[in-house]
Amino acid sequence: MRALDIAGISYQTKLTLVSKMSFPLLLTLLLLLISTSQGSASEHGKEPDLIEKSCAIIVGYEECVAILRSDPRSIKATKIKQLAYIILDLCIANATETLGEIPKLQEKYSKHDQIEEALRWCVTAYESAIKDYFRKAAEQLGKKSYREAQYSAHIGGALGTGCEQEFYFQAPEFSPLWPRNHDLAVLGLVAEGIVSLLRLNESSL
């Protein structure tokens, strides 16, 4: 993976700093990107299904439910591990779609050096999120390495936050990737939460 030297700090160095963030600190950063509210379907007189039961235990109940219900596979899921694979698929699809959009932004902002520089860093970040973290998390699920899979999902989502921070460093008044960085951060947070449930309840497999 190539290293990008941005603001005197290489991509590899920044990625290392992200990976070494304490969980509370990174969780706080991610929570700044989303507004969450905890809830339960039982409050509405309906027995919660697997999606609702799973999402009620992790951060971002409403976002978790909405994301999983957006994929028809989730409705048919009977195991938490199935939900974990689905959310990781959604993370990969989202990051891949963003990578496809970045070249258009690079062309649009080719005369804006700071924005273009941040976009270059984000290309590497999103490539890493897909290849080195979300896909690896799926592989780790297959090996029942749930702690490692949770960590991989954690860093994959954090790279969305890292991309957004890069615009803050380079062009603090403008981020053309804000909605997409927000989405990846939320997806990663939900993925991390769902995977964490497998560590707590391996009998659900």
Protein backbone atom coordinates (compact mmCIF):
# COMPACT_ATOMS: atom_id res chain seq x y z
CA MET A 1 0.00 0.00 0.00
CA ARG A 2 1.45 3.37 -1.02
CA ALA A 3 2.03 6.00 1.62
CA LEU A 4 0.70 9.51 1.14
CA ASP A 5 2.54 12.30 2.92
CA ILE A 6 -0.17 14.74 3.96
CA ALA A 7 0.43 17.67 6.27
CA GLY A 8 3.72 16.07 7.25
CA ILE A 9 2.09 12.82 8.37
CA SER A 10 2.06 9.77 6.12
CA TYR A 11 -1.04 7.68 5.51
CA GLN A 12 0.57 4.70 7.25
CA THR A 13 1.33 6.81 10.32
CA LYS A 14 -2.21 8.16 10.47
CA LEU A 15 -3.65 4.69 10.05
CA THR A 16 -1.49 3.49 12.93
CA LEU A 17 -2.75 6.37 15.07
CA VAL A 18 -6.35 5.50 14.21
CA SER A 19 -5.79 1.83 15.04
CA LYS A 20 -4.28 2.72 18.40
CA MET A 21 -7.09 5.02 19.48
CA SER A 22 -8.76 3.88 22.65
CA PHE A 23 -12.23 2.45 22.13
CA PRO A 24 -13.96 5.21 24.16
CA LEU A 25 -12.16 7.94 22.18
CA LEU A 26 -12.97 6.51 18.77
CA LEU A 27 -16.52 5.72 19.81
CA THR A 28 -16.91 9.35 20.84
CA LEU A 29 -15.66 10.48 17.44
CA LEU A 30 -18.10 8.22 15.67
CA LEU A 31 -20.97 9.32 17.87
CA LEU A 32 -20.27 12.90 16.82
CA LEU A 33 -21.19 11.78 13.30
CA ILE A 34 -24.52 10.23 14.18
CA SER A 35 -27.49 10.99 16.37
CA THR A 36 -28.66 7.83 18.01
CA SER A 37 -31.64 6.91 20.10
CA GLN A 38 -32.16 3.63 21.84
CA GLY A 39 -35.51 1.92 21.54
CA SER A 40 -37.33 -1.35 21.49
CA ALA A 41 -40.11 -2.75 19.36
CA SER A 42 -41.72 -4.06 22.52
CA GLU A 43 -42.54 -0.46 23.44
CA HIS A 44 -44.99 -0.50 20.55
CA GLY A 45 -46.64 -3.72 21.66
CA LYS A 46 -44.85 -5.93 19.15
CA GLU A 47 -42.50 -8.80 19.93
CA PRO A 48 -39.04 -7.74 18.69
CA ASP A 49 -37.48 -9.85 15.95
CA LEU A 50 -33.81 -10.82 15.57
CA ILE A 51 -32.88 -7.48 14.02
CA GLU A 52 -34.53 -5.47 16.79
CA LYS A 53 -33.20 -7.69 19.57
CA SER A 54 -29.67 -7.43 18.19
CA CYS A 55 -29.75 -3.70 17.51
CA ALA A 56 -31.20 -2.94 20.94
CA ILE A 57 -27.98 -4.17 22.56
CA ILE A 58 -25.56 -2.02 20.56
CA VAL A 59 -25.00 1.68 19.92
CA GLY A 60 -27.31 3.31 17.38
CA TYR A 61 -30.53 1.30 17.60
CA GLU A 62 -32.54 3.19 14.98
CA GLU A 63 -29.68 3.34 12.48
CA CYS A 64 -28.92 -0.35 13.03
CA VAL A 65 -32.52 -1.40 12.40
CA ALA A 66 -32.88 0.84 9.34
CA ILE A 67 -29.63 -0.39 7.78
CA LEU A 68 -30.34 -4.08 8.30
CA ARG A 69 -33.95 -3.80 7.15
CA SER A 70 -32.73 -2.16 3.94
CA ASP A 71 -31.33 -5.55 2.90
CA PRO A 72 -33.94 -8.29 2.24
CA ARG A 73 -31.51 -10.95 3.45
CA SER A 74 -31.70 -9.57 6.98
CA ILE A 75 -35.44 -10.19 7.24
CA LYS A 76 -34.86 -13.90 6.65
CA ALA A 77 -31.86 -14.16 8.98
CA THR A 78 -32.21 -16.48 11.94
CA LYS A 79 -28.70 -16.14 13.39
CA ILE A 80 -26.65 -13.16 14.49
CA LYS A 81 -23.75 -14.41 12.41
CA GLN A 82 -25.89 -14.02 9.29
CA LEU A 83 -26.55 -10.42 10.23
CA ALA A 84 -22.82 -9.91 10.75
CA TYR A 85 -22.02 -11.09 7.24
CA ILE A 86 -24.78 -8.92 5.80
CA ILE A 87 -23.66 -5.74 7.52
CA LEU A 88 -20.07 -6.35 6.42
CA ASP A 89 -21.31 -6.82 2.85
CA LEU A 90 -23.09 -3.49 3.14
CA CYS A 91 -19.91 -1.85 4.44
CA ILE A 92 -17.94 -3.19 1.47
CA ALA A 93 -20.62 -2.14 -1.02
CA ASN A 94 -20.81 1.36 0.45
CA ALA A 95 -17.04 1.87 0.43
CA THR A 96 -16.75 0.47 -3.10
CA GLU A 97 -19.44 2.87 -4.34
CA THR A 98 -17.62 5.78 -2.73
CA LEU A 99 -14.37 4.78 -4.42
CA GLY A 100 -16.21 4.92 -7.72
CA GLU A 101 -17.34 8.48 -7.02
CA ILE A 102 -14.02 9.91 -5.88
CA PRO A 103 -12.47 10.17 -9.39
CA LYS A 104 -15.36 12.44 -10.39
CA LEU A 105 -14.65 14.65 -7.41
CA GLN A 106 -10.93 14.65 -8.18
CA GLU A 107 -11.70 15.92 -11.67
CA LYS A 108 -14.13 18.51 -10.35
CA TYR A 109 -11.68 19.83 -7.76
CA SER A 110 -8.45 19.32 -9.72
CA LYS A 111 -7.61 23.00 -9.30
CA HIS A 112 -8.16 22.93 -5.55
CA ASP A 113 -4.92 21.47 -4.25
CA GLN A 114 -6.02 20.96 -0.65
CA ILE A 115 -9.27 19.22 -1.53
CA GLU A 116 -7.56 17.10 -4.17
CA GLU A 117 -4.89 16.14 -1.65
CA ALA A 118 -7.52 15.05 0.87
CA LEU A 119 -9.32 13.05 -1.82
CA ARG A 120 -6.09 11.19 -2.65
CA TRP A 121 -5.68 10.26 1.00
CA CYS A 122 -9.29 9.10 1.14
CA VAL A 123 -8.81 6.83 -1.89
CA THR A 124 -6.13 4.96 0.03
CA ALA A 125 -8.24 4.96 3.19
CA TYR A 126 -11.29 3.52 1.44
CA GLU A 127 -9.21 0.91 -0.40
CA SER A 128 -7.77 -0.13 2.94
CA ALA A 129 -11.20 -0.20 4.60
CA ILE A 130 -12.41 -2.66 1.96
CA LYS A 131 -9.40 -4.91 1.50
CA ASP A 132 -7.62 -4.79 4.84
CA TYR A 133 -10.55 -4.53 7.23
CA PHE A 134 -14.09 -5.31 6.09
CA ARG A 135 -13.14 -8.26 3.86
CA LYS A 136 -10.73 -9.47 6.48
CA ALA A 137 -13.48 -9.19 9.11
CA ALA A 138 -15.66 -11.48 6.99
CA GLU A 139 -12.82 -13.98 6.73
CA GLN A 140 -12.28 -13.80 10.48
CA LEU A 141 -15.96 -14.52 11.07
CA GLY A 142 -15.56 -17.73 9.11
CA LYS A 143 -12.71 -18.72 11.42
CA LYS A 144 -14.73 -17.74 14.51
CA SER A 145 -12.08 -15.14 15.33
CA TYR A 146 -14.70 -12.76 16.65
CA ARG A 147 -12.42 -10.46 18.60
CA GLU A 148 -10.28 -9.91 15.51
CA ALA A 149 -13.34 -9.47 13.31
CA GLN A 150 -14.73 -6.86 15.69
CA TYR A 151 -11.44 -4.97 15.60
CA SER A 152 -11.34 -5.09 11.78
CA ALA A 153 -14.89 -3.73 11.53
CA HIS A 154 -13.96 -1.07 14.08
CA ILE A 155 -11.01 0.21 12.03
CA GLY A 156 -12.86 -0.08 8.72
CA GLY A 157 -15.55 2.30 9.96
CA ALA A 158 -12.97 4.55 11.61
CA LEU A 159 -11.40 5.16 8.21
CA GLY A 160 -14.58 6.96 7.19
CA THR A 161 -14.02 9.25 10.16
CA GLY A 162 -10.34 9.49 9.21
CA CYS A 163 -11.22 10.62 5.70
CA GLU A 164 -13.49 13.31 7.09
CA GLN A 165 -10.75 14.44 9.44
CA GLU A 166 -8.42 14.73 6.47
CA PHE A 167 -10.69 17.38 4.96
CA TYR A 168 -10.62 19.14 8.30
CA PHE A 169 -6.82 19.16 8.12
CA GLN A 170 -6.65 20.17 4.47
CA ALA A 171 -9.83 22.13 3.71
CA PRO A 172 -11.74 22.71 6.96
CA GLU A 173 -14.52 24.70 5.31
CA PHE A 174 -15.53 22.06 2.78
CA SER A 175 -15.85 18.28 2.55
CA PRO A 176 -17.44 16.86 -0.62
CA LEU A 177 -17.37 13.39 0.95
CA TRP A 178 -19.14 14.30 4.20
CA PRO A 179 -22.34 12.26 3.55
CA ARG A 180 -20.38 9.21 2.42
CA ASN A 181 -17.88 9.42 5.27
CA HIS A 182 -20.80 9.70 7.66
CA ASP A 183 -22.44 6.62 6.15
CA LEU A 184 -19.28 4.52 6.36
CA ALA A 185 -18.71 5.55 9.98
CA VAL A 186 -22.27 4.54 10.89
CA LEU A 187 -22.05 1.26 8.96
CA GLY A 188 -18.74 0.43 10.61
CA LEU A 189 -20.11 1.20 14.07
CA VAL A 190 -23.12 -1.05 13.48
CA ALA A 191 -20.91 -3.80 12.02
CA GLU A 192 -18.63 -3.64 15.03
CA GLY A 193 -21.63 -3.88 17.35
CA ILE A 194 -23.23 -6.84 15.59
CA VAL A 195 -19.92 -8.73 15.48
CA SER A 196 -19.40 -8.03 19.17
CA LEU A 197 -22.60 -9.93 19.93
CA LEU A 198 -21.01 -13.09 18.57
CA ARG A 199 -18.38 -12.87 21.27
CA LEU A 200 -21.09 -12.57 23.89
CA ASN A 201 -23.34 -15.28 22.56
CA GLU A 202 -21.58 -17.91 20.51
CA SER A 203 -24.54 -20.23 21.10
CA SER A 204 -26.50 -18.13 18.58
CA LEU A 205 -24.44 -19.56 15.73
